Amino acid sequence: MSELLSRDWQDDPSIAALARARAAVNEVILDKPEVVDLAFSALLAGGHILIEDLPGVGKTTLANALSLAIGGQLQRIQFTNDMLPADIVGISVFQRDNEDFEFRPGPIFANVVLADEINRATPRTQSALLEAMAEGQITVDGQTHMLPRPFFVIATQNPLDLVGTYPLPDSQLDRFLLRTQIGYPSEQEERRLLIEPDRRDLLSDMRPELDPEQVQTLVMAAAELHVAEPVLDYIQSLIKATRMHAGLRAGLSPRAGLALIQTARAYAFINGQSFCSPDSVKAVFPSLATHRLQPVPESGLAGEEVVAEILDTTTVP
């Protein structure tokens, strides 16, 4: 059992540092605490997050702020339709001096990777990134190279009605633990954006509150958070409801169920809880489930509507 989950776990310095990191990111990303919480939840659950939104709403700023707060290295990959897999993972270069190949890592070797406009790249290039996300390693010329820990991908995706995009197939969407949107700020917070210093200036003043080793400790601690039997029953009821719903082609898979437990634990953890509550499950369920579900066209329902209906009709313990 992790020391962080002992009786005095909330007094641990790493917990306090996590709270400061979360607060620091919220100072930069105004009026979006739920998005910041989802990003930290995905990080501590060992997953990745997909943000589908229009340009200019703060996706890049979120990635920068998160990487600075956890003391990690950030790499931004701007996806284009002529990008090759080697542009992401790296290549082996022949060295004449020793007559051998030397691997030169690509930008994927970072703690936080911003995969900007991932749906502008071809499926082949998308797969190179998503394979690394699933395995935590890449293979080039038969040699396996481990990615750093933590390894966290924040991918952005343009709405599919924009020209020049390649929609991610369902199997690749499933590799993202969560999908969310940032959206526009409230009128009051947008006024702050207009009169306060530029967000880039605030980023330059940010200091690390955590380091990668502490983040890995927090990941292990969050994974040990207690989940009571009634909460497990609730999770199973939600999953069963997706499989029985007439408006869906298919329900959530067992892997999605495991992901739901991991994410709910992480969400509860960053909110200072020593156990996983039904409220934590409800908070992360829409972002975890919607991109994994395909409504039947004849139903006339959007995935968000189906998920909201399932949450409303499933009994909470």
C-alpha atoms as a PDB file:
ATOM      1  CA  MET A   1       0.000   0.000   0.000  1.00  0.00           C
ATOM      2  CA  SER A   2       1.376   3.412  -0.965  1.00  0.00           C
ATOM      3  CA  GLU A   3       2.514   5.680   1.840  1.00  0.00           C
ATOM      4  CA  LEU A   4       0.346   8.397   0.307  1.00  0.00           C
ATOM      5  CA  LEU A   5      -2.760   6.416   1.214  1.00  0.00           C
ATOM      6  CA  SER A   6      -1.910   5.995   4.886  1.00  0.00           C
ATOM      7  CA  ARG A   7      -3.995   7.732   7.535  1.00  0.00           C
ATOM      8  CA  ASP A   8      -2.196  11.048   7.042  1.00  0.00           C
ATOM      9  CA  TRP A   9      -1.945  10.830   3.254  1.00  0.00           C
ATOM     10  CA  GLN A  10      -3.508  14.296   2.731  1.00  0.00           C
ATOM     11  CA  ASP A  11      -0.592  15.853   4.630  1.00  0.00           C
ATOM     12  CA  ASP A  12       2.001  14.399   2.283  1.00  0.00           C
ATOM     13  CA  PRO A  13       4.108  17.040   0.469  1.00  0.00           C
ATOM     14  CA  SER A  14       3.290  15.479  -2.910  1.00  0.00           C
ATOM     15  CA  ILE A  15      -0.425  15.995  -2.299  1.00  0.00           C
ATOM     16  CA  ALA A  16       0.138  19.638  -1.444  1.00  0.00           C
ATOM     17  CA  ALA A  17       2.329  20.032  -4.538  1.00  0.00           C
ATOM     18  CA  LEU A  18      -0.428  18.492  -6.670  1.00  0.00           C
ATOM     19  CA  ALA A  19      -2.925  21.012  -5.310  1.00  0.00           C
ATOM     20  CA  ARG A  20      -0.542  23.870  -6.107  1.00  0.00           C
ATOM     21  CA  ALA A  21       0.054  22.541  -9.625  1.00  0.00           C
ATOM     22  CA  ARG A  22      -3.672  22.316 -10.229  1.00  0.00           C
ATOM     23  CA  ALA A  23      -4.190  25.861  -8.904  1.00  0.00           C
ATOM     24  CA  ALA A  24      -1.358  27.192 -11.066  1.00  0.00           C
ATOM     25  CA  VAL A  25      -2.892  25.761 -14.232  1.00  0.00           C
ATOM     26  CA  ASN A  26      -6.295  27.197 -13.278  1.00  0.00           C
ATOM     27  CA  GLU A  27      -4.688  30.619 -12.970  1.00  0.00           C
ATOM     28  CA  VAL A  28      -3.682  30.407 -16.618  1.00  0.00           C
ATOM     29  CA  ILE A  29      -6.739  28.589 -18.014  1.00  0.00           C
ATOM     30  CA  LEU A  30      -9.546  30.848 -16.810  1.00  0.00           C
ATOM     31  CA  ASP A  31     -13.073  29.626 -16.127  1.00  0.00           C
ATOM     32  CA  LYS A  32     -12.380  26.003 -17.090  1.00  0.00           C
ATOM     33  CA  PRO A  33     -11.741  24.108 -13.817  1.00  0.00           C
ATOM     34  CA  GLU A  34     -13.596  21.048 -15.115  1.00  0.00           C
ATOM     35  CA  VAL A  35     -11.260  20.789 -18.138  1.00  0.00           C
ATOM     36  CA  VAL A  36      -8.189  21.194 -15.914  1.00  0.00           C
ATOM     37  CA  ASP A  37      -9.498  18.481 -13.583  1.00  0.00           C
ATOM     38  CA  LEU A  38     -10.072  16.137 -16.521  1.00  0.00           C
ATOM     39  CA  ALA A  39      -6.532  16.780 -17.791  1.00  0.00           C
ATOM     40  CA  PHE A  40      -5.010  16.000 -14.389  1.00  0.00           C
ATOM     41  CA  SER A  41      -7.282  12.959 -14.066  1.00  0.00           C
ATOM     42  CA  ALA A  42      -6.100  11.585 -17.403  1.00  0.00           C
ATOM     43  CA  LEU A  43      -2.485  12.223 -16.390  1.00  0.00           C
ATOM     44  CA  LEU A  44      -2.805  10.412 -13.035  1.00  0.00           C
ATOM     45  CA  ALA A  45      -4.815   7.603 -14.610  1.00  0.00           C
ATOM     46  CA  GLY A  46      -1.961   6.964 -17.052  1.00  0.00           C
ATOM     47  CA  GLY A  47      -4.047   7.884 -20.078  1.00  0.00           C
ATOM     48  CA  HIS A  48      -4.254  10.590 -22.712  1.00  0.00           C
ATOM     49  CA  ILE A  49      -6.781  13.279 -23.593  1.00  0.00           C
ATOM     50  CA  LEU A  50      -8.281  14.460 -26.875  1.00  0.00           C
ATOM     51  CA  ILE A  51      -9.574  18.028 -27.085  1.00  0.00           C
ATOM     52  CA  GLU A  52     -11.911  18.705 -29.988  1.00  0.00           C
ATOM     53  CA  ASP A  53     -12.406  22.421 -30.417  1.00  0.00           C
ATOM     54  CA  LEU A  54     -11.869  25.416 -32.646  1.00  0.00           C
ATOM     55  CA  PRO A  55      -8.498  27.202 -32.782  1.00  0.00           C
ATOM     56  CA  GLY A  56      -7.791  29.909 -30.248  1.00  0.00           C
ATOM     57  CA  VAL A  57      -9.649  28.632 -27.172  1.00  0.00           C
ATOM     58  CA  GLY A  58      -6.578  27.645 -25.137  1.00  0.00           C
ATOM     59  CA  LYS A  59      -5.622  24.094 -26.083  1.00  0.00           C
ATOM     60  CA  THR A  60      -1.922  24.880 -26.538  1.00  0.00           C
ATOM     61  CA  THR A  61      -1.897  27.038 -23.418  1.00  0.00           C
ATOM     62  CA  LEU A  62      -3.316  24.153 -21.399  1.00  0.00           C
ATOM     63  CA  ALA A  63      -0.564  21.798 -22.588  1.00  0.00           C
ATOM     64  CA  ASN A  64       2.122  24.377 -21.810  1.00  0.00           C
ATOM     65  CA  ALA A  65       0.749  25.146 -18.370  1.00  0.00           C
ATOM     66  CA  LEU A  66       0.405  21.474 -17.447  1.00  0.00           C
ATOM     67  CA  SER A  67       3.935  20.596 -18.530  1.00  0.00           C
ATOM     68  CA  LEU A  68       5.372  23.535 -16.594  1.00  0.00           C
ATOM     69  CA  ALA A  69       3.374  22.684 -13.470  1.00  0.00           C
ATOM     70  CA  ILE A  70       4.616  19.078 -13.359  1.00  0.00           C
ATOM     71  CA  GLY A  71       8.204  19.980 -14.234  1.00  0.00           C
ATOM     72  CA  GLY A  72       8.125  17.910 -17.399  1.00  0.00           C
ATOM     73  CA  GLN A  73       9.472  18.386 -20.891  1.00  0.00           C
ATOM     74  CA  LEU A  74       6.961  19.548 -23.497  1.00  0.00           C
ATOM     75  CA  GLN A  75       7.113  18.826 -27.214  1.00  0.00           C
ATOM     76  CA  ARG A  76       4.608  20.178 -29.704  1.00  0.00           C
ATOM     77  CA  ILE A  77       3.974  18.271 -32.921  1.00  0.00           C
ATOM     78  CA  GLN A  78       2.069  20.199 -35.561  1.00  0.00           C
ATOM     79  CA  PHE A  79       0.371  17.559 -37.683  1.00  0.00           C
ATOM     80  CA  THR A  80       0.080  18.092 -41.424  1.00  0.00           C
ATOM     81  CA  ASN A  81      -1.055  15.891 -44.270  1.00  0.00           C
ATOM     82  CA  ASP A  82       2.524  15.385 -45.540  1.00  0.00           C
ATOM     83  CA  MET A  83       3.957  14.290 -42.182  1.00  0.00           C
ATOM     84  CA  LEU A  84       5.597  10.855 -41.971  1.00  0.00           C
ATOM     85  CA  PRO A  85       5.711   8.480 -38.972  1.00  0.00           C
ATOM     86  CA  ALA A  86       9.491   9.058 -38.698  1.00  0.00           C
ATOM     87  CA  ASP A  87       8.788  12.753 -38.103  1.00  0.00           C
ATOM     88  CA  ILE A  88       7.165  11.694 -34.826  1.00  0.00           C
ATOM     89  CA  VAL A  89       9.084   8.700 -33.485  1.00  0.00           C
ATOM     90  CA  GLY A  90      12.559   9.431 -34.904  1.00  0.00           C
ATOM     91  CA  ILE A  91      14.948   7.725 -37.310  1.00  0.00           C
ATOM     92  CA  SER A  92      18.127   5.678 -37.375  1.00  0.00           C
ATOM     93  CA  VAL A  93      21.028   7.487 -39.061  1.00  0.00           C
ATOM     94  CA  PHE A  94      24.119   5.706 -40.359  1.00  0.00           C
ATOM     95  CA  GLN A  95      27.342   6.954 -38.757  1.00  0.00           C
ATOM     96  CA  ARG A  96      30.404   6.576 -40.964  1.00  0.00           C
ATOM     97  CA  ASP A  97      32.796   6.876 -38.013  1.00  0.00           C
ATOM     98  CA  ASN A  98      31.748   3.627 -36.366  1.00  0.00           C
ATOM     99  CA  GLU A  99      29.888   2.153 -39.339  1.00  0.00           C
ATOM    100  CA  ASP A 100      26.728   1.696 -37.306  1.00  0.00           C
ATOM    101  CA  PHE A 101      23.270   3.181 -37.047  1.00  0.00           C
ATOM    102  CA  GLU A 102      22.477   5.754 -34.380  1.00  0.00           C
ATOM    103  CA  PHE A 103      18.898   6.376 -33.290  1.00  0.00           C
ATOM    104  CA  ARG A 104      17.836   9.999 -33.200  1.00  0.00           C
ATOM    105  CA  PRO A 105      14.675  10.378 -31.094  1.00  0.00           C
ATOM    106  CA  GLY A 106      11.716  12.256 -32.492  1.00  0.00           C
ATOM    107  CA  PRO A 107       9.579  14.802 -30.646  1.00  0.00           C
ATOM    108  CA  ILE A 108       7.474  12.063 -29.084  1.00  0.00           C
ATOM    109  CA  PHE A 109      10.208  11.580 -26.466  1.00  0.00           C
ATOM    110  CA  ALA A 110       8.815  14.040 -23.913  1.00  0.00           C
ATOM    111  CA  ASN A 111       6.729  13.980 -20.755  1.00  0.00           C
ATOM    112  CA  VAL A 112       3.919  16.013 -22.298  1.00  0.00           C
ATOM    113  CA  VAL A 113       3.310  15.828 -26.044  1.00  0.00           C
ATOM    114  CA  LEU A 114       0.924  18.283 -27.681  1.00  0.00           C
ATOM    115  CA  ALA A 115      -0.297  16.571 -30.836  1.00  0.00           C
ATOM    116  CA  ASP A 116      -1.817  19.602 -32.531  1.00  0.00           C
ATOM    117  CA  GLU A 117      -4.542  19.030 -35.127  1.00  0.00           C
ATOM    118  CA  ILE A 118      -3.995  15.281 -35.130  1.00  0.00           C
ATOM    119  CA  ASN A 119      -6.793  14.742 -37.643  1.00  0.00           C
ATOM    120  CA  ARG A 120      -4.891  16.697 -40.314  1.00  0.00           C
ATOM    121  CA  ALA A 121      -2.367  13.846 -40.600  1.00  0.00           C
ATOM    122  CA  THR A 122      -2.911  10.693 -42.641  1.00  0.00           C
ATOM    123  CA  PRO A 123      -4.075   7.514 -40.865  1.00  0.00           C
ATOM    124  CA  ARG A 124      -0.583   6.014 -41.200  1.00  0.00           C
ATOM    125  CA  THR A 125       0.980   8.915 -39.316  1.00  0.00           C
ATOM    126  CA  GLN A 126      -1.828   8.959 -36.743  1.00  0.00           C
ATOM    127  CA  SER A 127      -1.128   5.289 -36.052  1.00  0.00           C
ATOM    128  CA  ALA A 128       2.527   5.980 -35.270  1.00  0.00           C
ATOM    129  CA  LEU A 129       1.493   8.247 -32.401  1.00  0.00           C
ATOM    130  CA  LEU A 130      -1.350   6.087 -31.168  1.00  0.00           C
ATOM    131  CA  GLU A 131       0.823   2.964 -31.038  1.00  0.00           C
ATOM    132  CA  ALA A 132       3.236   4.816 -28.768  1.00  0.00           C
ATOM    133  CA  MET A 133       0.328   5.934 -26.602  1.00  0.00           C
ATOM    134  CA  ALA A 134      -0.891   2.372 -26.164  1.00  0.00           C
ATOM    135  CA  GLU A 135       2.462   0.705 -25.554  1.00  0.00           C
ATOM    136  CA  GLY A 136       4.554   3.437 -23.911  1.00  0.00           C
ATOM    137  CA  GLN A 137       7.350   2.559 -26.315  1.00  0.00           C
ATOM    138  CA  ILE A 138       8.249   2.670 -29.978  1.00  0.00           C
ATOM    139  CA  THR A 139      10.142   0.276 -32.225  1.00  0.00           C
ATOM    140  CA  VAL A 140      12.466   1.508 -34.979  1.00  0.00           C
ATOM    141  CA  ASP A 141      14.510  -0.910 -37.117  1.00  0.00           C
ATOM    142  CA  GLY A 142      13.791  -3.741 -34.705  1.00  0.00           C
ATOM    143  CA  GLN A 143      15.016  -1.798 -31.669  1.00  0.00           C
ATOM    144  CA  THR A 144      12.590  -0.938 -28.885  1.00  0.00           C
ATOM    145  CA  HIS A 145      12.893   2.459 -27.232  1.00  0.00           C
ATOM    146  CA  MET A 146      11.025   3.251 -24.018  1.00  0.00           C
ATOM    147  CA  LEU A 147       9.256   6.576 -23.741  1.00  0.00           C
ATOM    148  CA  PRO A 148       9.814   8.794 -20.679  1.00  0.00           C
ATOM    149  CA  ARG A 149       7.599   8.573 -17.612  1.00  0.00           C
ATOM    150  CA  PRO A 150       5.200  10.180 -17.233  1.00  0.00           C
ATOM    151  CA  PHE A 151       4.191  10.158 -20.886  1.00  0.00           C
ATOM    152  CA  PHE A 152       1.060  12.183 -21.505  1.00  0.00           C
ATOM    153  CA  VAL A 153      -0.450  13.142 -24.863  1.00  0.00           C
ATOM    154  CA  ILE A 154      -2.797  16.080 -25.254  1.00  0.00           C
ATOM    155  CA  ALA A 155      -4.134  15.811 -28.792  1.00  0.00           C
ATOM    156  CA  THR A 156      -6.256  18.457 -30.445  1.00  0.00           C
ATOM    157  CA  GLN A 157      -8.693  17.826 -33.238  1.00  0.00           C
ATOM    158  CA  ASN A 158     -10.473  20.216 -35.534  1.00  0.00           C
ATOM    159  CA  PRO A 159     -14.217  19.756 -35.979  1.00  0.00           C
ATOM    160  CA  LEU A 160     -14.743  17.287 -38.786  1.00  0.00           C
ATOM    161  CA  ASP A 161     -16.573  19.794 -40.999  1.00  0.00           C
ATOM    162  CA  LEU A 162     -13.302  21.647 -41.639  1.00  0.00           C
ATOM    163  CA  VAL A 163     -11.494  20.977 -44.914  1.00  0.00           C
ATOM    164  CA  GLY A 164      -8.497  18.645 -45.020  1.00  0.00           C
ATOM    165  CA  THR A 165      -9.154  16.416 -42.031  1.00  0.00           C
ATOM    166  CA  TYR A 166      -8.888  12.628 -41.590  1.00  0.00           C
ATOM    167  CA  PRO A 167     -11.352  11.431 -38.944  1.00  0.00           C
ATOM    168  CA  LEU A 168      -9.855   9.132 -36.310  1.00  0.00           C
ATOM    169  CA  PRO A 169     -11.386   5.645 -36.576  1.00  0.00           C
ATOM    170  CA  ASP A 170     -13.148   4.169 -33.559  1.00  0.00           C
ATOM    171  CA  SER A 171     -10.232   1.878 -32.685  1.00  0.00           C
ATOM    172  CA  GLN A 172      -7.909   4.881 -32.452  1.00  0.00           C
ATOM    173  CA  LEU A 173     -10.395   7.067 -30.600  1.00  0.00           C
ATOM    174  CA  ASP A 174     -10.530   4.335 -27.977  1.00  0.00           C
ATOM    175  CA  ARG A 175      -6.829   4.933 -27.235  1.00  0.00           C
ATOM    176  CA  PHE A 176      -7.754   8.292 -25.748  1.00  0.00           C
ATOM    177  CA  LEU A 177      -8.865   7.943 -22.170  1.00  0.00           C
ATOM    178  CA  LEU A 178     -10.958  11.120 -22.327  1.00  0.00           C
ATOM    179  CA  ARG A 179     -12.318  13.488 -24.934  1.00  0.00           C
ATOM    180  CA  THR A 180     -13.497  16.967 -24.025  1.00  0.00           C
ATOM    181  CA  GLN A 181     -13.894  20.532 -25.233  1.00  0.00           C
ATOM    182  CA  ILE A 182     -12.622  23.786 -23.756  1.00  0.00           C
ATOM    183  CA  GLY A 183     -15.179  26.130 -25.289  1.00  0.00           C
ATOM    184  CA  TYR A 184     -15.500  29.868 -24.894  1.00  0.00           C
ATOM    185  CA  PRO A 185     -14.958  31.540 -21.518  1.00  0.00           C
ATOM    186  CA  SER A 186     -17.758  33.279 -19.661  1.00  0.00           C
ATOM    187  CA  GLU A 187     -18.276  36.970 -20.348  1.00  0.00           C
ATOM    188  CA  GLN A 188     -16.676  37.949 -17.050  1.00  0.00           C
ATOM    189  CA  GLU A 189     -13.603  35.760 -17.555  1.00  0.00           C
ATOM    190  CA  GLU A 190     -13.210  36.893 -21.148  1.00  0.00           C
ATOM    191  CA  ARG A 191     -13.013  40.461 -19.862  1.00  0.00           C
ATOM    192  CA  ARG A 192     -10.112  39.338 -17.648  1.00  0.00           C
ATOM    193  CA  LEU A 193      -8.398  37.899 -20.718  1.00  0.00           C
ATOM    194  CA  LEU A 194      -8.741  41.258 -22.451  1.00  0.00           C
ATOM    195  CA  ILE A 195      -7.282  43.373 -19.649  1.00  0.00           C
ATOM    196  CA  GLU A 196      -4.848  41.027 -17.885  1.00  0.00           C
ATOM    197  CA  PRO A 197      -1.304  40.206 -19.060  1.00  0.00           C
ATOM    198  CA  ASP A 198      -0.977  37.886 -22.015  1.00  0.00           C
ATOM    199  CA  ARG A 199      -1.233  34.209 -21.123  1.00  0.00           C
ATOM    200  CA  ARG A 200       2.275  33.711 -22.542  1.00  0.00           C
ATOM    201  CA  ASP A 201       3.601  36.129 -19.938  1.00  0.00           C
ATOM    202  CA  LEU A 202       1.861  34.168 -17.196  1.00  0.00           C
ATOM    203  CA  LEU A 203       3.379  30.950 -18.551  1.00  0.00           C
ATOM    204  CA  SER A 204       6.857  32.456 -18.426  1.00  0.00           C
ATOM    205  CA  ASP A 205       6.333  33.165 -14.717  1.00  0.00           C
ATOM    206  CA  MET A 206       5.174  29.634 -13.872  1.00  0.00           C
ATOM    207  CA  ARG A 207       7.431  27.429 -11.791  1.00  0.00           C
ATOM    208  CA  PRO A 208       7.306  23.634 -11.424  1.00  0.00           C
ATOM    209  CA  GLU A 209       5.268  22.451  -8.451  1.00  0.00           C
ATOM    210  CA  LEU A 210       5.999  18.767  -9.101  1.00  0.00           C
ATOM    211  CA  ASP A 211       8.682  16.729 -10.805  1.00  0.00           C
ATOM    212  CA  PRO A 212       8.220  13.654 -13.031  1.00  0.00           C
ATOM    213  CA  GLU A 213       9.195  11.279 -10.224  1.00  0.00           C
ATOM    214  CA  GLN A 214       6.552  12.753  -7.929  1.00  0.00           C
ATOM    215  CA  VAL A 215       3.971  12.465 -10.697  1.00  0.00           C
ATOM    216  CA  GLN A 216       4.717   8.756 -11.033  1.00  0.00           C
ATOM    217  CA  THR A 217       4.285   8.356  -7.268  1.00  0.00           C
ATOM    218  CA  LEU A 218       0.922  10.109  -7.479  1.00  0.00           C
ATOM    219  CA  VAL A 219      -0.105   7.869 -10.393  1.00  0.00           C
ATOM    220  CA  MET A 220       0.533   4.774  -8.251  1.00  0.00           C
ATOM    221  CA  ALA A 221      -1.243   6.287  -5.254  1.00  0.00           C
ATOM    222  CA  ALA A 222      -4.338   7.210  -7.279  1.00  0.00           C
ATOM    223  CA  ALA A 223      -4.505   3.670  -8.664  1.00  0.00           C
ATOM    224  CA  GLU A 224      -4.827   2.320  -5.104  1.00  0.00           C
ATOM    225  CA  LEU A 225      -7.797   4.459  -4.102  1.00  0.00           C
ATOM    226  CA  HIS A 226     -10.537   2.306  -2.601  1.00  0.00           C
ATOM    227  CA  VAL A 227     -13.618   1.543  -4.711  1.00  0.00           C
ATOM    228  CA  ALA A 228     -16.513   0.216  -2.631  1.00  0.00           C
ATOM    229  CA  GLU A 229     -18.856  -2.521  -3.851  1.00  0.00           C
ATOM    230  CA  PRO A 230     -21.826  -0.143  -4.384  1.00  0.00           C
ATOM    231  CA  VAL A 231     -19.631   2.062  -6.603  1.00  0.00           C
ATOM    232  CA  LEU A 232     -18.533  -0.987  -8.588  1.00  0.00           C
ATOM    233  CA  ASP A 233     -22.221  -1.887  -8.977  1.00  0.00           C
ATOM    234  CA  TYR A 234     -22.893   1.635 -10.254  1.00  0.00           C
ATOM    235  CA  ILE A 235     -20.070   1.419 -12.790  1.00  0.00           C
ATOM    236  CA  GLN A 236     -21.355  -1.929 -14.029  1.00  0.00           C
ATOM    237  CA  SER A 237     -24.883  -0.529 -14.290  1.00  0.00           C
ATOM    238  CA  LEU A 238     -23.644   2.346 -16.465  1.00  0.00           C
ATOM    239  CA  ILE A 239     -21.735  -0.018 -18.729  1.00  0.00           C
ATOM    240  CA  LYS A 240     -24.714  -2.378 -18.991  1.00  0.00           C
ATOM    241  CA  ALA A 241     -26.985   0.558 -19.854  1.00  0.00           C
ATOM    242  CA  THR A 242     -24.795   1.445 -22.839  1.00  0.00           C
ATOM    243  CA  ARG A 243     -25.014  -2.147 -24.070  1.00  0.00           C
ATOM    244  CA  MET A 244     -28.800  -2.290 -23.705  1.00  0.00           C
ATOM    245  CA  HIS A 245     -29.599   1.145 -25.139  1.00  0.00           C
ATOM    246  CA  ALA A 246     -31.570   0.920 -28.376  1.00  0.00           C
ATOM    247  CA  GLY A 247     -30.018   4.100 -29.719  1.00  0.00           C
ATOM    248  CA  LEU A 248     -26.458   2.717 -29.738  1.00  0.00           C
ATOM    249  CA  ARG A 249     -24.778   0.335 -32.142  1.00  0.00           C
ATOM    250  CA  ALA A 250     -22.706  -1.206 -29.359  1.00  0.00           C
ATOM    251  CA  GLY A 251     -21.990  -0.521 -25.725  1.00  0.00           C
ATOM    252  CA  LEU A 252     -18.799   0.111 -23.804  1.00  0.00           C
ATOM    253  CA  SER A 253     -16.154  -2.610 -23.818  1.00  0.00           C
ATOM    254  CA  PRO A 254     -14.584  -4.203 -20.722  1.00  0.00           C
ATOM    255  CA  ARG A 255     -11.487  -2.075 -21.402  1.00  0.00           C
ATOM    256  CA  ALA A 256     -13.651   1.020 -21.186  1.00  0.00           C
ATOM    257  CA  GLY A 257     -14.960  -0.214 -17.841  1.00  0.00           C
ATOM    258  CA  LEU A 258     -11.428  -0.522 -16.501  1.00  0.00           C
ATOM    259  CA  ALA A 259     -10.647   2.932 -17.842  1.00  0.00           C
ATOM    260  CA  LEU A 260     -13.713   4.312 -16.058  1.00  0.00           C
ATOM    261  CA  ILE A 261     -12.523   2.956 -12.707  1.00  0.00           C
ATOM    262  CA  GLN A 262      -8.991   4.307 -13.241  1.00  0.00           C
ATOM    263  CA  THR A 263     -10.221   7.750 -14.232  1.00  0.00           C
ATOM    264  CA  ALA A 264     -12.797   8.001 -11.437  1.00  0.00           C
ATOM    265  CA  ARG A 265     -10.094   7.074  -8.926  1.00  0.00           C
ATOM    266  CA  ALA A 266      -7.780   9.751 -10.318  1.00  0.00           C
ATOM    267  CA  TYR A 267     -10.558  12.364 -10.306  1.00  0.00           C
ATOM    268  CA  ALA A 268     -11.392  11.573  -6.681  1.00  0.00           C
ATOM    269  CA  PHE A 269      -7.696  11.686  -5.791  1.00  0.00           C
ATOM    270  CA  ILE A 270      -7.040  15.151  -7.202  1.00  0.00           C
ATOM    271  CA  ASN A 271     -10.130  16.394  -5.367  1.00  0.00           C
ATOM    272  CA  GLY A 272      -8.725  15.259  -2.032  1.00  0.00           C
ATOM    273  CA  GLN A 273     -10.878  12.165  -1.516  1.00  0.00           C
ATOM    274  CA  SER A 274      -9.471   9.026   0.097  1.00  0.00           C
ATOM    275  CA  PHE A 275     -11.982   6.813  -1.744  1.00  0.00           C
ATOM    276  CA  CYS A 276     -13.726   6.723  -5.115  1.00  0.00           C
ATOM    277  CA  SER A 277     -17.254   8.146  -4.920  1.00  0.00           C
ATOM    278  CA  PRO A 278     -20.229   7.873  -7.314  1.00  0.00           C
ATOM    279  CA  ASP A 279     -19.882  11.622  -7.945  1.00  0.00           C
ATOM    280  CA  SER A 280     -16.392  11.025  -9.328  1.00  0.00           C
ATOM    281  CA  VAL A 281     -17.762   8.373 -11.672  1.00  0.00           C
ATOM    282  CA  LYS A 282     -20.508  10.733 -12.859  1.00  0.00           C
ATOM    283  CA  ALA A 283     -18.009  13.566 -13.389  1.00  0.00           C
ATOM    284  CA  VAL A 284     -15.758  11.617 -15.763  1.00  0.00           C
ATOM    285  CA  PHE A 285     -18.314   9.342 -17.455  1.00  0.00           C
ATOM    286  CA  PRO A 286     -19.394  11.740 -20.263  1.00  0.00           C
ATOM    287  CA  SER A 287     -15.809  12.501 -21.330  1.00  0.00           C
ATOM    288  CA  LEU A 288     -14.871   8.826 -21.154  1.00  0.00           C
ATOM    289  CA  ALA A 289     -17.923   7.314 -22.833  1.00  0.00           C
ATOM    290  CA  THR A 290     -19.129   9.693 -25.550  1.00  0.00           C
ATOM    291  CA  HIS A 291     -16.301   9.169 -28.054  1.00  0.00           C
ATOM    292  CA  ARG A 292     -16.505   5.399 -27.581  1.00  0.00           C
ATOM    293  CA  LEU A 293     -20.209   5.157 -28.434  1.00  0.00           C
ATOM    294  CA  GLN A 294     -21.786   5.263 -31.884  1.00  0.00           C
ATOM    295  CA  PRO A 295     -25.483   6.218 -31.969  1.00  0.00           C
ATOM    296  CA  VAL A 296     -27.757   4.517 -34.459  1.00  0.00           C
ATOM    297  CA  PRO A 297     -28.513   7.110 -37.185  1.00  0.00           C
ATOM    298  CA  GLU A 298     -32.220   6.302 -37.069  1.00  0.00           C
ATOM    299  CA  SER A 299     -32.403   7.296 -33.409  1.00  0.00           C
ATOM    300  CA  GLY A 300     -31.697  10.941 -34.182  1.00  0.00           C
ATOM    301  CA  LEU A 301     -29.703  11.174 -30.949  1.00  0.00           C
ATOM    302  CA  ALA A 302     -26.207  12.505 -30.453  1.00  0.00           C
ATOM    303  CA  GLY A 303     -23.741  10.615 -28.297  1.00  0.00           C
ATOM    304  CA  GLU A 304     -23.868  13.350 -25.640  1.00  0.00           C
ATOM    305  CA  GLU A 305     -27.647  12.990 -25.400  1.00  0.00           C
ATOM    306  CA  VAL A 306     -27.455   9.230 -24.972  1.00  0.00           C
ATOM    307  CA  VAL A 307     -24.821   9.526 -22.250  1.00  0.00           C
ATOM    308  CA  ALA A 308     -26.843  12.182 -20.420  1.00  0.00           C
ATOM    309  CA  GLU A 309     -29.935   9.961 -20.583  1.00  0.00           C
ATOM    310  CA  ILE A 310     -28.009   6.979 -19.194  1.00  0.00           C
ATOM    311  CA  LEU A 311     -26.689   9.061 -16.304  1.00  0.00           C
ATOM    312  CA  ASP A 312     -30.179  10.380 -15.548  1.00  0.00           C
ATOM    313  CA  THR A 313     -31.820   6.944 -15.554  1.00  0.00           C
ATOM    314  CA  THR A 314     -29.164   4.898 -13.746  1.00  0.00           C
ATOM    315  CA  THR A 315     -29.679   4.669  -9.990  1.00  0.00           C
ATOM    316  CA  VAL A 316     -26.870   6.261  -7.984  1.00  0.00           C
ATOM    317  CA  PRO A 317     -25.910   4.358  -4.808  1.00  0.00           C
END
